[in-house]
PDB file of N, CA and C in Angstrom:
ATOM      1  N   UNK A   1    -167.848  13.111-146.259  1.00  0.00           N
ATOM      2  CA  UNK A   1    -167.577  12.005-145.800  1.00  0.00           C
ATOM      3  C   UNK A   1    -166.719  11.537-144.589  1.00  0.00           C
ATOM      4  N   UNK A   2    -164.691  12.187-144.879  1.00  0.00           N
ATOM      5  CA  UNK A   2    -164.204  12.393-144.303  1.00  0.00           C
ATOM      6  C   UNK A   2    -164.068  13.841-143.379  1.00  0.00           C
ATOM      7  N   UNK A   3    -164.403  14.836-143.922  1.00  0.00           N
ATOM      8  CA  UNK A   3    -164.551  15.855-142.901  1.00  0.00           C
ATOM      9  C   UNK A   3    -165.621  15.873-141.167  1.00  0.00           C
ATOM     10  N   UNK A   4    -166.589  14.996-141.493  1.00  0.00           N
ATOM     11  CA  UNK A   4    -167.464  14.407-140.437  1.00  0.00           C
ATOM     12  C   UNK A   4    -166.839  13.670-139.622  1.00  0.00           C
ATOM     13  N   UNK A   5    -165.865  12.461-139.982  1.00  0.00           N
ATOM     14  CA  UNK A   5    -164.787  12.040-139.054  1.00  0.00           C
ATOM     15  C   UNK A   5    -164.160  12.289-138.518  1.00  0.00           C
ATOM     16  N   UNK A   6    -163.687  12.919-139.425  1.00  0.00           N
ATOM     17  CA  UNK A   6    -162.523  14.495-138.321  1.00  0.00           C
ATOM     18  C   UNK A   6    -162.646  15.077-137.986  1.00  0.00           C
ATOM     19  N   UNK A   7    -163.720  15.752-138.071  1.00  0.00           N
ATOM     20  CA  UNK A   7    -164.829  17.089-136.816  1.00  0.00           C
ATOM     21  C   UNK A   7    -165.063  15.905-135.691  1.00  0.00           C
ATOM     22  N   UNK A   8    -165.763  14.762-135.761  1.00  0.00           N
ATOM     23  CA  UNK A   8    -165.394  13.880-134.861  1.00  0.00           C
ATOM     24  C   UNK A   8    -164.657  12.966-133.728  1.00  0.00           C
ATOM     25  N   UNK A   9    -163.748  13.127-134.349  1.00  0.00           N
ATOM     26  CA  UNK A   9    -162.956  12.831-133.776  1.00  0.00           C
ATOM     27  C   UNK A   9    -161.828  13.434-132.600  1.00  0.00           C
ATOM     28  N   UNK A  10    -161.526  14.644-134.077  1.00  0.00           N
ATOM     29  CA  UNK A  10    -161.851  16.347-132.895  1.00  0.00           C
ATOM     30  C   UNK A  10    -162.344  16.173-131.511  1.00  0.00           C
ATOM     31  N   UNK A  11    -163.196  16.529-131.826  1.00  0.00           N
ATOM     32  CA  UNK A  11    -164.252  16.168-130.405  1.00  0.00           C
ATOM     33  C   UNK A  11    -164.827  15.475-129.788  1.00  0.00           C
ATOM     34  N   UNK A  12    -164.146  14.059-129.978  1.00  0.00           N
ATOM     35  CA  UNK A  12    -163.721  12.956-128.387  1.00  0.00           C
ATOM     36  C   UNK A  12    -162.779  12.684-128.148  1.00  0.00           C
ATOM     37  N   UNK A  13    -161.586  13.843-129.492  1.00  0.00           N
ATOM     38  CA  UNK A  13    -160.011  13.816-128.214  1.00  0.00           C
ATOM     39  C   UNK A  13    -160.546  14.972-127.013  1.00  0.00           C
ATOM     40  N   UNK A  14    -160.736  15.976-127.430  1.00  0.00           N
ATOM     41  CA  UNK A  14    -160.561  17.080-126.708  1.00  0.00           C
ATOM     42  C   UNK A  14    -161.969  16.606-125.393  1.00  0.00           C
ATOM     43  N   UNK A  15    -163.148  16.562-125.940  1.00  0.00           N
ATOM     44  CA  UNK A  15    -163.532  15.631-124.966  1.00  0.00           C
ATOM     45  C   UNK A  15    -162.704  15.107-123.641  1.00  0.00           C
ATOM     46  N   UNK A  16    -161.653  14.181-123.752  1.00  0.00           N
ATOM     47  CA  UNK A  16    -160.793  13.192-123.772  1.00  0.00           C
ATOM     48  C   UNK A  16    -159.389  14.043-122.923  1.00  0.00           C
ATOM     49  N   UNK A  17    -158.792  15.297-123.485  1.00  0.00           N
ATOM     50  CA  UNK A  17    -158.250  16.157-123.171  1.00  0.00           C
ATOM     51  C   UNK A  17    -158.890  16.903-121.872  1.00  0.00           C
ATOM     52  N   UNK A  18    -160.110  17.098-122.293  1.00  0.00           N
ATOM     53  CA  UNK A  18    -159.989  18.231-119.944  1.00  0.00           C
ATOM     54  C   UNK A  18    -160.339  17.422-120.052  1.00  0.00           C
ATOM     55  N   UNK A  19    -161.372  16.365-120.032  1.00  0.00           N
ATOM     56  CA  UNK A  19    -161.426  15.379-119.158  1.00  0.00           C
ATOM     57  C   UNK A  19    -160.458  14.531-117.875  1.00  0.00           C
ATOM     58  N   UNK A  20    -159.011  14.719-119.155  1.00  0.00           N
ATOM     59  CA  UNK A  20    -158.095  13.774-118.016  1.00  0.00           C
ATOM     60  C   UNK A  20    -157.580  14.736-117.238  1.00  0.00           C
ATOM     61  N   UNK A  21    -157.566  16.130-117.908  1.00  0.00           N
ATOM     62  CA  UNK A  21    -157.187  16.954-117.080  1.00  0.00           C
ATOM     63  C   UNK A  21    -157.786  17.509-116.056  1.00  0.00           C
ATOM     64  N   UNK A  22    -159.173  17.923-116.104  1.00  0.00           N
ATOM     65  CA  UNK A  22    -160.145  18.598-115.407  1.00  0.00           C
ATOM     66  C   UNK A  22    -160.562  17.583-114.068  1.00  0.00           C
ATOM     67  N   UNK A  23    -160.515  16.300-114.222  1.00  0.00           N
ATOM     68  CA  UNK A  23    -161.101  15.303-113.419  1.00  0.00           C
ATOM     69  C   UNK A  23    -159.487  15.304-112.231  1.00  0.00           C
ATOM     70  N   UNK A  24    -160.506  14.365-111.053  1.00  0.00           N
ATOM     71  CA  UNK A  24    -159.580  13.919-109.897  1.00  0.00           C
ATOM     72  C   UNK A  24    -158.913  12.608-109.514  1.00  0.00           C
ATOM     73  N   UNK A  25    -160.561  11.630-110.003  1.00  0.00           N
ATOM     74  CA  UNK A  25    -160.399   9.887-110.262  1.00  0.00           C
ATOM     75  C   UNK A  25    -159.878   9.150-110.761  1.00  0.00           C
ATOM     76  N   UNK A  26    -159.063   8.692-111.169  1.00  0.00           N
ATOM     77  CA  UNK A  26    -157.437   7.786-111.315  1.00  0.00           C
ATOM     78  C   UNK A  26    -158.419   7.059-112.460  1.00  0.00           C
ATOM     79  N   UNK A  27    -159.524   6.156-111.544  1.00  0.00           N
ATOM     80  CA  UNK A  27    -159.971   5.645-113.286  1.00  0.00           C
ATOM     81  C   UNK A  27    -161.449   6.203-114.075  1.00  0.00           C
ATOM     82  N   UNK A  28    -161.667   7.378-113.970  1.00  0.00           N
ATOM     83  CA  UNK A  28    -161.904   8.437-115.239  1.00  0.00           C
ATOM     84  C   UNK A  28    -161.769   9.264-115.758  1.00  0.00           C
ATOM     85  N   UNK A  29    -160.505   9.781-115.047  1.00  0.00           N
ATOM     86  CA  UNK A  29    -158.437   9.317-116.406  1.00  0.00           C
ATOM     87  C   UNK A  29    -158.134   8.916-117.048  1.00  0.00           C
ATOM     88  N   UNK A  30    -158.618   7.302-116.732  1.00  0.00           N
ATOM     89  CA  UNK A  30    -158.032   6.560-117.603  1.00  0.00           C
ATOM     90  C   UNK A  30    -158.938   5.847-118.558  1.00  0.00           C
ATOM     91  N   UNK A  31    -159.988   6.692-118.702  1.00  0.00           N
ATOM     92  CA  UNK A  31    -160.887   7.157-119.462  1.00  0.00           C
ATOM     93  C   UNK A  31    -161.166   7.305-120.161  1.00  0.00           C
ATOM     94  N   UNK A  32    -161.012   8.467-120.139  1.00  0.00           N
ATOM     95  CA  UNK A  32    -160.663   9.756-120.725  1.00  0.00           C
ATOM     96  C   UNK A  32    -159.780   9.576-121.961  1.00  0.00           C
ATOM     97  N   UNK A  33    -158.591   8.714-121.273  1.00  0.00           N
ATOM     98  CA  UNK A  33    -157.063   8.503-122.580  1.00  0.00           C
ATOM     99  C   UNK A  33    -157.136   7.742-122.945  1.00  0.00           C
ATOM    100  N   UNK A  34    -158.626   6.705-123.027  1.00  0.00           N
ATOM    101  CA  UNK A  34    -159.124   5.951-123.547  1.00  0.00           C
ATOM    102  C   UNK A  34    -159.494   6.332-125.082  1.00  0.00           C
ATOM    103  N   UNK A  35    -161.354   7.626-124.398  1.00  0.00           N
ATOM    104  CA  UNK A  35    -161.606   8.192-125.491  1.00  0.00           C
ATOM    105  C   UNK A  35    -161.268   8.730-126.075  1.00  0.00           C
ATOM    106  N   UNK A  36    -159.937   9.371-125.782  1.00  0.00           N
ATOM    107  CA  UNK A  36    -158.791  10.097-126.513  1.00  0.00           C
ATOM    108  C   UNK A  36    -158.101   8.950-127.605  1.00  0.00           C
ATOM    109  N   UNK A  37    -157.566   7.495-126.986  1.00  0.00           N
ATOM    110  CA  UNK A  37    -156.767   6.902-127.412  1.00  0.00           C
ATOM    111  C   UNK A  37    -158.044   5.741-128.955  1.00  0.00           C
ATOM    112  N   UNK A  38    -159.751   6.557-128.403  1.00  0.00           N
ATOM    113  CA  UNK A  38    -159.912   6.149-129.857  1.00  0.00           C
ATOM    114  C   UNK A  38    -160.823   6.988-130.548  1.00  0.00           C
ATOM    115  N   UNK A  39    -160.726   8.133-130.469  1.00  0.00           N
ATOM    116  CA  UNK A  39    -160.321   9.560-131.625  1.00  0.00           C
ATOM    117  C   UNK A  39    -159.797   9.022-132.083  1.00  0.00           C
ATOM    118  N   UNK A  40    -158.415   8.868-131.780  1.00  0.00           N
ATOM    119  CA  UNK A  40    -156.722   8.801-133.127  1.00  0.00           C
ATOM    120  C   UNK A  40    -157.479   7.358-133.943  1.00  0.00           C
ATOM    121  N   UNK A  41    -158.412   6.166-133.097  1.00  0.00           N
ATOM    122  CA  UNK A  41    -157.945   5.232-134.126  1.00  0.00           C
ATOM    123  C   UNK A  41    -159.702   5.748-135.177  1.00  0.00           C
ATOM    124  N   UNK A  42    -160.218   6.606-134.356  1.00  0.00           N
ATOM    125  CA  UNK A  42    -161.606   6.445-135.715  1.00  0.00           C
ATOM    126  C   UNK A  42    -160.973   7.944-136.345  1.00  0.00           C
ATOM    127  N   UNK A  43    -159.549   8.475-136.003  1.00  0.00           N
ATOM    128  CA  UNK A  43    -159.052   9.188-137.388  1.00  0.00           C
ATOM    129  C   UNK A  43    -158.429   8.120-138.180  1.00  0.00           C
ATOM    130  N   UNK A  44    -157.841   7.575-138.058  1.00  0.00           N
ATOM    131  CA  UNK A  44    -156.405   7.122-138.414  1.00  0.00           C
ATOM    132  C   UNK A  44    -157.513   6.106-139.108  1.00  0.00           C
ATOM    133  N   UNK A  45    -158.720   5.126-138.441  1.00  0.00           N
ATOM    134  CA  UNK A  45    -159.454   4.306-140.333  1.00  0.00           C
ATOM    135  C   UNK A  45    -160.266   5.886-141.345  1.00  0.00           C
ATOM    136  N   UNK A  46    -160.829   6.344-140.869  1.00  0.00           N
ATOM    137  CA  UNK A  46    -161.522   7.005-141.952  1.00  0.00           C
ATOM    138  C   UNK A  46    -160.559   7.452-142.918  1.00  0.00           C
ATOM    139  N   UNK A  47    -159.052   8.227-142.788  1.00  0.00           N
ATOM    140  CA  UNK A  47    -157.435   8.527-143.330  1.00  0.00           C
ATOM    141  C   UNK A  47    -157.579   7.267-143.622  1.00  0.00           C
ATOM    142  N   UNK A  48    -157.826   6.434-143.567  1.00  0.00           N
ATOM    143  CA  UNK A  48    -157.368   4.903-144.405  1.00  0.00           C
ATOM    144  C   UNK A  48    -158.089   4.562-145.641  1.00  0.00           C
ATOM    145  N   UNK A  49    -159.652   4.550-144.807  1.00  0.00           N
ATOM    146  CA  UNK A  49    -161.255   4.689-146.254  1.00  0.00           C
ATOM    147  C   UNK A  49    -160.347   5.966-147.157  1.00  0.00           C
ATOM    148  N   UNK A  50    -160.737   6.697-146.951  1.00  0.00           N
ATOM    149  CA  UNK A  50    -160.507   8.091-148.257  1.00  0.00           C
ATOM    150  C   UNK A  50    -159.019   7.462-149.028  1.00  0.00           C
ATOM    151  N   UNK A  51    -158.127   7.217-147.832  1.00  0.00           N
ATOM    152  CA  UNK A  51    -156.926   6.831-149.456  1.00  0.00           C
ATOM    153  C   UNK A  51    -156.851   5.364-149.650  1.00  0.00           C
ATOM    154  N   UNK A  52    -157.742   4.390-149.622  1.00  0.00           N
ATOM    155  CA  UNK A  52    -157.427   3.481-149.533  1.00  0.00           C
ATOM    156  C   UNK A  52    -155.842   2.510-149.198  1.00  0.00           C
ATOM    157  N   UNK A  53    -155.568   2.659-148.083  1.00  0.00           N
ATOM    158  CA  UNK A  53    -154.732   2.365-147.677  1.00  0.00           C
ATOM    159  C   UNK A  53    -154.665   1.423-145.995  1.00  0.00           C
ATOM    160  N   UNK A  54    -154.524   0.254-146.940  1.00  0.00           N
ATOM    161  CA  UNK A  54    -154.818  -1.291-144.559  1.00  0.00           C
ATOM    162  C   UNK A  54    -154.102  -0.667-143.912  1.00  0.00           C
ATOM    163  N   UNK A  55    -152.651   0.534-144.765  1.00  0.00           N
ATOM    164  CA  UNK A  55    -151.648   0.805-143.307  1.00  0.00           C
ATOM    165  C   UNK A  55    -152.728   0.871-141.544  1.00  0.00           C
ATOM    166  N   UNK A  56    -154.008   1.749-142.581  1.00  0.00           N
ATOM    167  CA  UNK A  56    -154.128   2.997-141.067  1.00  0.00           C
ATOM    168  C   UNK A  56    -154.605   2.419-140.290  1.00  0.00           C
ATOM    169  N   UNK A  57    -155.268   1.052-140.445  1.00  0.00           N
ATOM    170  CA  UNK A  57    -156.485  -0.348-140.178  1.00  0.00           C
ATOM    171  C   UNK A  57    -155.397  -0.896-139.228  1.00  0.00           C
ATOM    172  N   UNK A  58    -154.093  -0.979-140.186  1.00  0.00           N
ATOM    173  CA  UNK A  58    -152.918  -2.185-138.839  1.00  0.00           C
ATOM    174  C   UNK A  58    -152.411  -1.090-137.620  1.00  0.00           C
ATOM    175  N   UNK A  59    -152.904   0.289-138.075  1.00  0.00           N
ATOM    176  CA  UNK A  59    -151.572   1.046-136.937  1.00  0.00           C
ATOM    177  C   UNK A  59    -153.172   1.335-136.711  1.00  0.00           C
ATOM    178  N   UNK A  60    -154.562   0.742-136.586  1.00  0.00           N
ATOM    179  CA  UNK A  60    -155.223   0.521-135.749  1.00  0.00           C
ATOM    180  C   UNK A  60    -155.620  -0.381-134.530  1.00  0.00           C
ATOM    181  N   UNK A  61    -154.893  -1.451-135.176  1.00  0.00           N
ATOM    182  CA  UNK A  61    -154.725  -2.567-133.850  1.00  0.00           C
ATOM    183  C   UNK A  61    -154.244  -2.594-133.081  1.00  0.00           C
ATOM    184  N   UNK A  62    -152.272  -1.601-133.318  1.00  0.00           N
ATOM    185  CA  UNK A  62    -151.337  -1.690-133.099  1.00  0.00           C
ATOM    186  C   UNK A  62    -151.760  -0.329-131.631  1.00  0.00           C
ATOM    187  N   UNK A  63    -153.061   0.700-132.258  1.00  0.00           N
ATOM    188  CA  UNK A  63    -153.086   1.854-130.919  1.00  0.00           C
ATOM    189  C   UNK A  63    -154.267   0.757-129.779  1.00  0.00           C
ATOM    190  N   UNK A  64    -155.055  -0.084-130.768  1.00  0.00           N
ATOM    191  CA  UNK A  64    -155.805  -1.705-129.906  1.00  0.00           C
ATOM    192  C   UNK A  64    -154.843  -1.633-128.400  1.00  0.00           C
ATOM    193  N   UNK A  65    -153.582  -3.290-128.645  1.00  0.00           N
ATOM    194  CA  UNK A  65    -153.156  -3.339-128.508  1.00  0.00           C
ATOM    195  C   UNK A  65    -152.368  -2.531-127.040  1.00  0.00           C
ATOM    196  N   UNK A  66    -152.047  -1.055-127.608  1.00  0.00           N
ATOM    197  CA  UNK A  66    -151.693  -0.377-126.371  1.00  0.00           C
ATOM    198  C   UNK A  66    -152.644  -0.357-125.091  1.00  0.00           C
ATOM    199  N   UNK A  67    -153.711  -0.138-125.816  1.00  0.00           N
ATOM    200  CA  UNK A  67    -154.794   0.563-124.679  1.00  0.00           C
ATOM    201  C   UNK A  67    -155.285  -0.838-123.333  1.00  0.00           C
ATOM    202  N   UNK A  68    -155.092  -1.359-124.705  1.00  0.00           N
ATOM    203  CA  UNK A  68    -154.807  -2.536-124.028  1.00  0.00           C
ATOM    204  C   UNK A  68    -154.330  -2.618-121.863  1.00  0.00           C
ATOM    205  N   UNK A  69    -153.214  -2.904-122.557  1.00  0.00           N
ATOM    206  CA  UNK A  69    -151.812  -3.380-122.174  1.00  0.00           C
ATOM    207  C   UNK A  69    -151.420  -1.555-121.052  1.00  0.00           C
ATOM    208  N   UNK A  70    -152.628  -0.557-121.955  1.00  0.00           N
ATOM    209  CA  UNK A  70    -152.428   1.002-120.910  1.00  0.00           C
ATOM    210  C   UNK A  70    -153.640   0.603-119.388  1.00  0.00           C
ATOM    211  N   UNK A  71    -155.350  -0.252-120.067  1.00  0.00           N
ATOM    212  CA  UNK A  71    -155.843  -0.552-119.573  1.00  0.00           C
ATOM    213  C   UNK A  71    -154.738  -1.399-118.291  1.00  0.00           C
ATOM    214  N   UNK A  72    -154.681  -2.088-118.542  1.00  0.00           N
ATOM    215  CA  UNK A  72    -153.822  -3.270-117.326  1.00  0.00           C
ATOM    216  C   UNK A  72    -153.726  -2.759-116.468  1.00  0.00           C
ATOM    217  N   UNK A  73    -152.358  -2.055-116.575  1.00  0.00           N
ATOM    218  CA  UNK A  73    -150.833  -1.315-115.545  1.00  0.00           C
ATOM    219  C   UNK A  73    -151.959  -0.250-115.575  1.00  0.00           C
ATOM    220  N   UNK A  74    -152.632   0.509-115.794  1.00  0.00           N
ATOM    221  CA  UNK A  74    -153.041   1.174-115.490  1.00  0.00           C
ATOM    222  C   UNK A  74    -154.236   0.501-113.996  1.00  0.00           C
ATOM    223  N   UNK A  75    -155.427   0.003-114.006  1.00  0.00           N
ATOM    224  CA  UNK A  75    -155.590  -0.526-112.946  1.00  0.00           C
ATOM    225  C   UNK A  75    -155.507  -1.476-112.486  1.00  0.00           C
ATOM    226  N   UNK A  76    -154.532  -2.291-112.687  1.00  0.00           N
ATOM    227  CA  UNK A  76    -153.148  -2.481-111.277  1.00  0.00           C
ATOM    228  C   UNK A  76    -152.002  -1.919-110.252  1.00  0.00           C
ATOM    229  N   UNK A  77    -152.217  -0.476-110.924  1.00  0.00           N
ATOM    230  CA  UNK A  77    -152.269   0.952-109.823  1.00  0.00           C
ATOM    231  C   UNK A  77    -153.291   1.480-109.185  1.00  0.00           C
ATOM    232  N   UNK A  78    -154.179   1.203-110.012  1.00  0.00           N
ATOM    233  CA  UNK A  78    -155.754   2.146-108.975  1.00  0.00           C
ATOM    234  C   UNK A  78    -155.800   0.660-108.393  1.00  0.00           C
ATOM    235  N   UNK A  79    -155.496  -0.648-108.010  1.00  0.00           N
ATOM    236  CA  UNK A  79    -155.981  -1.273-107.057  1.00  0.00           C
ATOM    237  C   UNK A  79    -155.097  -0.749-106.009  1.00  0.00           C
ATOM    238  N   UNK A  80    -153.248  -1.347-106.507  1.00  0.00           N
ATOM    239  CA  UNK A  80    -152.451  -1.206-105.824  1.00  0.00           C
ATOM    240  C   UNK A  80    -152.503   0.417-104.794  1.00  0.00           C
ATOM    241  N   UNK A  81    -153.417   1.219-105.277  1.00  0.00           N
ATOM    242  CA  UNK A  81    -153.409   2.774-104.450  1.00  0.00           C
ATOM    243  C   UNK A  81    -154.578   2.548-104.019  1.00  0.00           C
ATOM    244  N   UNK A  82    -155.793   1.877-104.032  1.00  0.00           N
ATOM    245  CA  UNK A  82    -156.747   1.618-103.214  1.00  0.00           C
ATOM    246  C   UNK A  82    -156.180   1.238-101.928  1.00  0.00           C
ATOM    247  N   UNK A  83    -156.081  -0.080-101.528  1.00  0.00           N
ATOM    248  CA  UNK A  83    -154.896  -1.340-100.523  1.00  0.00           C
ATOM    249  C   UNK A  83    -154.723   0.641-100.095  1.00  0.00           C
ATOM    250  N   UNK A  84    -154.026   1.310-100.353  1.00  0.00           N
ATOM    251  CA  UNK A  84    -152.958   1.360-100.030  1.00  0.00           C
ATOM    252  C   UNK A  84    -153.733   1.998 -99.186  1.00  0.00           C
ATOM    253  N   UNK A  85    -155.032   3.015 -99.413  1.00  0.00           N
ATOM    254  CA  UNK A  85    -154.669   4.495 -99.111  1.00  0.00           C
ATOM    255  C   UNK A  85    -156.741   5.002 -99.270  1.00  0.00           C
ATOM    256  N   UNK A  86    -156.810   3.960 -98.970  1.00  0.00           N
ATOM    257  CA  UNK A  86    -158.778   2.980-100.085  1.00  0.00           C
ATOM    258  C   UNK A  86    -159.608   4.951 -99.978  1.00  0.00           C
ATOM    259  N   UNK A  87    -158.515   5.907-101.697  1.00  0.00           N
ATOM    260  CA  UNK A  87    -159.273   6.563-102.799  1.00  0.00           C
ATOM    261  C   UNK A  87    -158.542   5.979-103.772  1.00  0.00           C
ATOM    262  N   UNK A  88    -159.313   7.487-104.502  1.00  0.00           N
ATOM    263  CA  UNK A  88    -159.240   6.700-106.097  1.00  0.00           C
ATOM    264  C   UNK A  88    -158.645   8.123-106.438  1.00  0.00           C
ATOM    265  N   UNK A  89    -158.170   8.701-105.641  1.00  0.00           N
ATOM    266  CA  UNK A  89    -157.560  10.204-106.351  1.00  0.00           C
ATOM    267  C   UNK A  89    -156.409  10.593-106.488  1.00  0.00           C
ATOM    268  N   UNK A  90    -156.251  11.652-107.849  1.00  0.00           N
ATOM    269  CA  UNK A  90    -155.029  11.085-107.830  1.00  0.00           C
ATOM    270  C   UNK A  90    -153.631  12.328-107.522  1.00  0.00           C
ATOM    271  N   UNK A  91    -154.553  13.412-106.084  1.00  0.00           N
ATOM    272  CA  UNK A  91    -153.846  13.143-105.135  1.00  0.00           C
ATOM    273  C   UNK A  91    -152.870  12.387-104.098  1.00  0.00           C
ATOM    274  N   UNK A  92    -153.573  10.986-103.850  1.00  0.00           N
ATOM    275  CA  UNK A  92    -153.505  10.379-103.342  1.00  0.00           C
ATOM    276  C   UNK A  92    -152.559   9.256-104.204  1.00  0.00           C
ATOM    277  N   UNK A  93    -152.548   9.319-105.656  1.00  0.00           N
ATOM    278  CA  UNK A  93    -151.639   8.682-105.489  1.00  0.00           C
ATOM    279  C   UNK A  93    -150.537   9.345-106.089  1.00  0.00           C
ATOM    280  N   UNK A  94    -150.059  10.761-105.849  1.00  0.00           N
ATOM    281  CA  UNK A  94    -148.136  11.428-105.100  1.00  0.00           C
ATOM    282  C   UNK A  94    -148.272  11.376-104.171  1.00  0.00           C
ATOM    283  N   UNK A  95    -148.387  11.231-103.652  1.00  0.00           N
ATOM    284  CA  UNK A  95    -148.403  11.063-101.970  1.00  0.00           C
ATOM    285  C   UNK A  95    -147.653   9.329-101.325  1.00  0.00           C
ATOM    286  N   UNK A  96    -147.893   8.555-103.114  1.00  0.00           N
ATOM    287  CA  UNK A  96    -147.129   7.159-102.885  1.00  0.00           C
ATOM    288  C   UNK A  96    -145.093   6.602-102.860  1.00  0.00           C
ATOM    289  N   UNK A  97    -144.756   8.590-103.976  1.00  0.00           N
ATOM    290  CA  UNK A  97    -143.916   8.134-104.219  1.00  0.00           C
ATOM    291  C   UNK A  97    -142.796   8.687-102.763  1.00  0.00           C
ATOM    292  N   UNK A  98    -143.039   8.976-101.490  1.00  0.00           N
ATOM    293  CA  UNK A  98    -142.041   9.899-100.230  1.00  0.00           C
ATOM    294  C   UNK A  98    -142.541   7.944 -99.934  1.00  0.00           C
TER     295      UNK A  98
END
């Protein structure tokens, strides 16, 4: 059982990493980061269940809190970029530093 959960977690993390590196839309990149965080959560829950230790589930709750904060800040930045550049491309975000 744990092998299947860890394998699924690895596949989901790889899909999220490839998506975050390849895509140019900021919203899609944020969704890929969320997919990677959920893959880590799946692995933590699987190991927590395997060893009978609730510490993994506590870490999952902390990762969920960090993911919620990341979404709130990320969407705020996306809205600011869209208002200034009328686009949500990653290249347009790099132009904001000038």
